[in-house]
Amino acid sequence: MVEVERSFSEVQVCSNCGEINYDNVNFCQDCGNMLKDFTHVFCEICGAKNPVENKNCSECKNIL
């Protein structure tokens, strides 16, 4: 038998049911809970959390 090694881009644990989710999914594959925060964006320069409505970072004024 040949073993196949699979690499996963991202592993996430659901905060609702504890299910382990692979392959960068947006919703839990068991309970359907949202795994990612779609209400905020993070600045690539300073890392500040900004509402998606912002066009510029509230900390460093970088264009989002």
N, C-alpha and C. Protein backbone atom coordinates (compact mmCIF):
# COMPACT_ATOMS: atom_id res chain seq x y z
N MET A 1 0.83 -1.17 0.00
CA MET A 1 0.00 0.00 0.00
C MET A 1 0.89 1.24 0.00
N VAL A 2 0.47 2.24 -0.78
CA VAL A 2 1.21 3.49 -0.88
C VAL A 2 0.52 4.54 -0.02
N GLU A 3 1.31 5.20 0.82
CA GLU A 3 0.75 6.27 1.64
C GLU A 3 0.84 7.58 0.88
N VAL A 4 -0.25 8.31 0.87
CA VAL A 4 -0.28 9.60 0.21
C VAL A 4 -0.31 10.67 1.27
N GLU A 5 0.65 11.56 1.20
CA GLU A 5 0.70 12.65 2.16
C GLU A 5 -0.07 13.82 1.58
N ARG A 6 -1.00 14.33 2.33
CA ARG A 6 -1.81 15.44 1.88
C ARG A 6 -1.45 16.66 2.70
N SER A 7 -1.18 17.75 2.00
CA SER A 7 -0.89 18.99 2.72
C SER A 7 -2.12 19.88 2.66
N PHE A 8 -2.46 20.46 3.78
CA PHE A 8 -3.63 21.31 3.87
C PHE A 8 -3.18 22.76 3.96
N SER A 9 -3.88 23.62 3.26
CA SER A 9 -3.51 25.02 3.26
C SER A 9 -3.80 25.68 4.60
N GLU A 10 -4.87 25.26 5.24
CA GLU A 10 -5.23 25.85 6.52
C GLU A 10 -6.12 24.89 7.30
N VAL A 11 -5.89 24.78 8.58
CA VAL A 11 -6.71 23.95 9.45
C VAL A 11 -7.40 24.88 10.43
N GLN A 12 -8.73 24.75 10.55
CA GLN A 12 -9.49 25.59 11.46
C GLN A 12 -10.37 24.71 12.33
N VAL A 13 -10.48 25.07 13.60
CA VAL A 13 -11.36 24.35 14.52
C VAL A 13 -12.58 25.22 14.75
N CYS A 14 -13.76 24.65 14.54
CA CYS A 14 -15.01 25.38 14.71
C CYS A 14 -15.21 25.73 16.18
N SER A 15 -15.52 27.00 16.45
CA SER A 15 -15.75 27.43 17.82
C SER A 15 -17.12 26.98 18.34
N ASN A 16 -18.00 26.58 17.44
CA ASN A 16 -19.34 26.14 17.83
C ASN A 16 -19.39 24.66 18.21
N CYS A 17 -18.81 23.79 17.35
CA CYS A 17 -18.94 22.34 17.58
C CYS A 17 -17.61 21.62 17.79
N GLY A 18 -16.47 22.31 17.54
CA GLY A 18 -15.16 21.69 17.73
C GLY A 18 -14.68 20.87 16.55
N GLU A 19 -15.43 20.84 15.46
CA GLU A 19 -15.04 20.08 14.26
C GLU A 19 -13.77 20.67 13.66
N ILE A 20 -12.87 19.81 13.19
CA ILE A 20 -11.66 20.25 12.50
C ILE A 20 -12.00 20.38 11.02
N ASN A 21 -11.73 21.55 10.45
CA ASN A 21 -12.02 21.83 9.05
C ASN A 21 -10.73 22.10 8.31
N TYR A 22 -10.62 21.56 7.11
CA TYR A 22 -9.41 21.67 6.30
C TYR A 22 -9.68 22.47 5.03
N ASP A 23 -8.62 22.81 4.34
CA ASP A 23 -8.66 23.39 3.00
C ASP A 23 -9.28 24.77 2.92
N ASN A 24 -9.06 25.59 3.94
CA ASN A 24 -9.42 27.00 3.87
C ASN A 24 -10.91 27.23 3.59
N VAL A 25 -11.79 26.47 4.23
CA VAL A 25 -13.23 26.63 4.04
C VAL A 25 -13.75 27.81 4.85
N ASN A 26 -14.88 28.38 4.43
CA ASN A 26 -15.46 29.53 5.12
C ASN A 26 -16.46 29.14 6.19
N PHE A 27 -17.08 27.97 6.05
CA PHE A 27 -18.10 27.51 6.98
C PHE A 27 -17.76 26.10 7.46
N CYS A 28 -18.13 25.78 8.70
CA CYS A 28 -17.87 24.47 9.28
C CYS A 28 -18.55 23.39 8.44
N GLN A 29 -17.82 22.34 8.14
CA GLN A 29 -18.35 21.26 7.33
C GLN A 29 -19.30 20.36 8.11
N ASP A 30 -19.38 20.56 9.44
CA ASP A 30 -20.28 19.75 10.27
C ASP A 30 -21.54 20.52 10.64
N CYS A 31 -21.39 21.72 11.23
CA CYS A 31 -22.57 22.44 11.73
C CYS A 31 -22.94 23.67 10.90
N GLY A 32 -22.08 24.09 9.99
CA GLY A 32 -22.37 25.24 9.13
C GLY A 32 -22.04 26.59 9.74
N ASN A 33 -21.41 26.61 10.93
CA ASN A 33 -21.02 27.85 11.59
C ASN A 33 -19.99 28.61 10.74
N MET A 34 -20.09 29.95 10.69
CA MET A 34 -19.12 30.75 9.94
C MET A 34 -17.77 30.68 10.64
N LEU A 35 -16.73 30.33 9.90
CA LEU A 35 -15.39 30.18 10.47
C LEU A 35 -14.55 31.44 10.33
N LYS A 36 -14.85 32.27 9.34
CA LYS A 36 -14.05 33.46 9.10
C LYS A 36 -14.84 34.71 9.40
N ASP A 37 -14.14 35.75 9.73
CA ASP A 37 -14.75 37.03 10.04
C ASP A 37 -14.85 37.85 8.76
N PHE A 38 -16.07 37.99 8.23
CA PHE A 38 -16.27 38.75 7.01
C PHE A 38 -16.71 40.19 7.30
N THR A 39 -16.66 40.59 8.56
CA THR A 39 -17.09 41.94 8.93
C THR A 39 -15.91 42.89 9.11
N HIS A 40 -14.70 42.36 9.08
CA HIS A 40 -13.50 43.19 9.27
C HIS A 40 -12.42 42.80 8.27
N VAL A 41 -11.54 43.74 7.99
CA VAL A 41 -10.34 43.48 7.20
C VAL A 41 -9.14 43.93 8.02
N PHE A 42 -8.02 43.30 7.80
CA PHE A 42 -6.80 43.63 8.52
C PHE A 42 -5.84 44.36 7.58
N CYS A 43 -5.27 45.43 8.07
CA CYS A 43 -4.32 46.22 7.29
C CYS A 43 -3.06 45.39 7.01
N GLU A 44 -2.60 45.42 5.76
CA GLU A 44 -1.40 44.67 5.39
C GLU A 44 -0.13 45.32 5.93
N ILE A 45 -0.21 46.59 6.25
CA ILE A 45 0.97 47.31 6.75
C ILE A 45 1.13 47.17 8.26
N CYS A 46 0.08 47.56 9.02
CA CYS A 46 0.23 47.59 10.48
C CYS A 46 -0.54 46.48 11.20
N GLY A 47 -1.43 45.78 10.47
CA GLY A 47 -2.17 44.68 11.07
C GLY A 47 -3.42 45.07 11.83
N ALA A 48 -3.78 46.35 11.81
CA ALA A 48 -4.96 46.82 12.55
C ALA A 48 -6.24 46.24 11.96
N LYS A 49 -7.20 45.97 12.83
CA LYS A 49 -8.51 45.45 12.42
C LYS A 49 -9.41 46.62 12.07
N ASN A 50 -9.97 46.60 10.84
CA ASN A 50 -10.80 47.69 10.37
C ASN A 50 -12.14 47.16 9.88
N PRO A 51 -13.23 47.94 10.03
CA PRO A 51 -14.50 47.54 9.44
C PRO A 51 -14.37 47.48 7.91
N VAL A 52 -15.13 46.61 7.27
CA VAL A 52 -15.02 46.45 5.81
C VAL A 52 -15.39 47.73 5.07
N GLU A 53 -16.14 48.63 5.70
CA GLU A 53 -16.54 49.88 5.06
C GLU A 53 -15.37 50.86 4.90
N ASN A 54 -14.33 50.70 5.73
CA ASN A 54 -13.18 51.61 5.67
C ASN A 54 -12.44 51.48 4.35
N LYS A 55 -12.08 52.64 3.78
CA LYS A 55 -11.23 52.64 2.58
C LYS A 55 -9.77 52.80 2.98
N ASN A 56 -9.54 53.38 4.15
CA ASN A 56 -8.20 53.57 4.68
C ASN A 56 -8.13 52.99 6.09
N CYS A 57 -6.96 52.51 6.46
CA CYS A 57 -6.74 51.95 7.80
C CYS A 57 -6.94 53.04 8.84
N SER A 58 -7.65 52.71 9.91
CA SER A 58 -7.91 53.69 10.97
C SER A 58 -6.66 53.97 11.81
N GLU A 59 -5.65 53.12 11.72
CA GLU A 59 -4.40 53.33 12.49
C GLU A 59 -3.32 54.05 11.68
N CYS A 60 -2.99 53.50 10.48
CA CYS A 60 -1.85 54.04 9.72
C CYS A 60 -2.25 54.76 8.44
N LYS A 61 -3.54 54.79 8.14
CA LYS A 61 -4.10 55.47 6.97
C LYS A 61 -3.70 54.83 5.63
N ASN A 62 -3.17 53.61 5.67
CA ASN A 62 -2.86 52.87 4.45
C ASN A 62 -4.17 52.58 3.70
N ILE A 63 -4.13 52.56 2.38
CA ILE A 63 -5.31 52.22 1.58
C ILE A 63 -5.57 50.72 1.70
N LEU A 64 -6.82 50.38 2.06
CA LEU A 64 -7.17 48.97 2.26
C LEU A 64 -7.58 48.35 0.99
